[in-house]
Amino acid sequence: LDDAPVVTLLERGGQHASSADQIITALAADDRAAELLGTNIGAPLIGLRRTVRDDSGAALLHQHSIYHPERFEYHMLLTRDNSTA
């Protein structure tokens, strides 16, 4: 593939991602994750599970990722919707 975001790759393939359900959690490194991420077994890691869906709700992508906490940043922009107030 290339360095493009996965949503861009999906769109290049004719798929339109309209939503994603994402879960971020803490977990302990098992032996494989510790080796791949250069840390100790049992060290704290960040786990991410994401399902990307199209307009009809069909799943386009299931992603499971593990990150070292020192190399992970999560950014959220929170806004208030006053349309029903």
C-alpha atoms as a PDB file:
ATOM      1  CA  LEU A   1       0.000   0.000   0.000  1.00  0.00           C
ATOM      2  CA  ASP A   2       1.190   3.523   0.617  1.00  0.00           C
ATOM      3  CA  ASP A   3       1.272   6.110   3.389  1.00  0.00           C
ATOM      4  CA  ALA A   4      -2.294   7.281   2.723  1.00  0.00           C
ATOM      5  CA  PRO A   5      -4.866   7.027   5.540  1.00  0.00           C
ATOM      6  CA  VAL A   6      -7.010   3.900   5.322  1.00  0.00           C
ATOM      7  CA  VAL A   7     -10.146   5.991   4.637  1.00  0.00           C
ATOM      8  CA  THR A   8      -8.426   7.441   1.554  1.00  0.00           C
ATOM      9  CA  LEU A   9      -7.546   3.941   0.354  1.00  0.00           C
ATOM     10  CA  LEU A  10     -11.149   2.809   0.826  1.00  0.00           C
ATOM     11  CA  GLU A  11     -12.403   5.790  -1.183  1.00  0.00           C
ATOM     12  CA  ARG A  12      -9.905   5.075  -3.961  1.00  0.00           C
ATOM     13  CA  GLY A  13     -11.484   1.616  -4.105  1.00  0.00           C
ATOM     14  CA  GLY A  14     -14.980   3.058  -4.462  1.00  0.00           C
ATOM     15  CA  GLN A  15     -16.061   2.678  -0.826  1.00  0.00           C
ATOM     16  CA  HIS A  16     -17.368   5.609   1.238  1.00  0.00           C
ATOM     17  CA  ALA A  17     -16.695   5.445   4.958  1.00  0.00           C
ATOM     18  CA  SER A  18     -19.401   7.342   6.796  1.00  0.00           C
ATOM     19  CA  SER A  19     -18.867   6.301  10.425  1.00  0.00           C
ATOM     20  CA  ALA A  20     -16.560   4.414  12.746  1.00  0.00           C
ATOM     21  CA  ASP A  21     -16.992   2.789  16.136  1.00  0.00           C
ATOM     22  CA  GLN A  22     -13.775   2.929  18.134  1.00  0.00           C
ATOM     23  CA  ILE A  23     -12.711   1.570  21.507  1.00  0.00           C
ATOM     24  CA  ILE A  24      -9.435   2.532  23.197  1.00  0.00           C
ATOM     25  CA  THR A  25      -8.292   0.579  26.236  1.00  0.00           C
ATOM     26  CA  ALA A  26      -5.252  -0.151  28.391  1.00  0.00           C
ATOM     27  CA  LEU A  27      -3.691  -3.598  28.273  1.00  0.00           C
ATOM     28  CA  ALA A  28      -0.549  -5.442  29.364  1.00  0.00           C
ATOM     29  CA  ALA A  29       2.075  -6.497  26.819  1.00  0.00           C
ATOM     30  CA  ASP A  30       2.242 -10.200  26.081  1.00  0.00           C
ATOM     31  CA  ASP A  31       5.511 -11.711  24.849  1.00  0.00           C
ATOM     32  CA  ARG A  32       4.833 -11.009  21.147  1.00  0.00           C
ATOM     33  CA  ALA A  33       3.687  -7.398  21.665  1.00  0.00           C
ATOM     34  CA  ALA A  34       6.621  -6.729  24.005  1.00  0.00           C
ATOM     35  CA  GLU A  35       9.074  -7.994  21.390  1.00  0.00           C
ATOM     36  CA  LEU A  36       7.504  -6.020  18.512  1.00  0.00           C
ATOM     37  CA  LEU A  37       7.177  -2.778  20.480  1.00  0.00           C
ATOM     38  CA  GLY A  38      10.516  -3.017  22.287  1.00  0.00           C
ATOM     39  CA  THR A  39       9.157  -3.138  25.813  1.00  0.00           C
ATOM     40  CA  ASN A  40       8.872  -5.586  28.710  1.00  0.00           C
ATOM     41  CA  ILE A  41       6.289  -8.326  29.107  1.00  0.00           C
ATOM     42  CA  GLY A  42       3.510  -6.914  31.267  1.00  0.00           C
ATOM     43  CA  ALA A  43       4.306  -3.284  30.361  1.00  0.00           C
ATOM     44  CA  PRO A  44       1.248  -1.054  29.869  1.00  0.00           C
ATOM     45  CA  LEU A  45       0.130  -0.648  26.256  1.00  0.00           C
ATOM     46  CA  ILE A  46      -2.773   1.003  24.475  1.00  0.00           C
ATOM     47  CA  GLY A  47      -5.183  -1.170  22.516  1.00  0.00           C
ATOM     48  CA  LEU A  48      -7.440   0.193  19.787  1.00  0.00           C
ATOM     49  CA  ARG A  49     -10.339  -1.591  18.089  1.00  0.00           C
ATOM     50  CA  ARG A  50     -12.143   0.164  15.249  1.00  0.00           C
ATOM     51  CA  THR A  51     -14.919  -0.782  12.829  1.00  0.00           C
ATOM     52  CA  VAL A  52     -15.416   1.535   9.860  1.00  0.00           C
ATOM     53  CA  ARG A  53     -18.854   1.452   8.193  1.00  0.00           C
ATOM     54  CA  ASP A  54     -20.378   2.705   4.965  1.00  0.00           C
ATOM     55  CA  ASP A  55     -23.629   4.684   4.573  1.00  0.00           C
ATOM     56  CA  SER A  56     -25.746   1.524   4.882  1.00  0.00           C
ATOM     57  CA  GLY A  57     -23.985   0.432   8.076  1.00  0.00           C
ATOM     58  CA  ALA A  58     -22.021  -2.381   6.429  1.00  0.00           C
ATOM     59  CA  ALA A  59     -18.558  -2.915   7.880  1.00  0.00           C
ATOM     60  CA  LEU A  60     -15.737  -1.903   5.543  1.00  0.00           C
ATOM     61  CA  LEU A  61     -12.817  -2.424   7.920  1.00  0.00           C
ATOM     62  CA  HIS A  62     -12.105  -4.062  11.270  1.00  0.00           C
ATOM     63  CA  GLN A  63      -8.867  -2.804  12.826  1.00  0.00           C
ATOM     64  CA  HIS A  64      -7.061  -4.074  15.929  1.00  0.00           C
ATOM     65  CA  SER A  65      -3.915  -2.141  16.877  1.00  0.00           C
ATOM     66  CA  ILE A  66      -1.557  -2.046  19.845  1.00  0.00           C
ATOM     67  CA  TYR A  67       0.558   1.011  20.654  1.00  0.00           C
ATOM     68  CA  HIS A  68       3.334   1.862  23.079  1.00  0.00           C
ATOM     69  CA  PRO A  69       1.988   4.723  25.270  1.00  0.00           C
ATOM     70  CA  GLU A  70       5.029   6.914  24.614  1.00  0.00           C
ATOM     71  CA  ARG A  71       4.321   6.793  20.874  1.00  0.00           C
ATOM     72  CA  PHE A  72       0.556   7.331  20.921  1.00  0.00           C
ATOM     73  CA  GLU A  73      -1.503  10.497  21.031  1.00  0.00           C
ATOM     74  CA  TYR A  74      -5.273  10.680  20.856  1.00  0.00           C
ATOM     75  CA  HIS A  75      -6.933  13.954  19.944  1.00  0.00           C
ATOM     76  CA  MET A  76     -10.655  14.742  20.166  1.00  0.00           C
ATOM     77  CA  LEU A  77     -12.522  17.888  19.228  1.00  0.00           C
ATOM     78  CA  LEU A  78     -15.662  18.140  21.345  1.00  0.00           C
ATOM     79  CA  THR A  79     -18.464  20.481  20.334  1.00  0.00           C
ATOM     80  CA  ARG A  80     -21.894  21.073  21.725  1.00  0.00           C
ATOM     81  CA  ASP A  81     -24.921  20.526  19.520  1.00  0.00           C
ATOM     82  CA  ASN A  82     -27.689  22.920  20.546  1.00  0.00           C
ATOM     83  CA  SER A  83     -30.023  22.031  17.674  1.00  0.00           C
ATOM     84  CA  THR A  84     -32.590  20.370  19.983  1.00  0.00           C
ATOM     85  CA  ALA A  85     -32.340  22.856  22.855  1.00  0.00           C
END
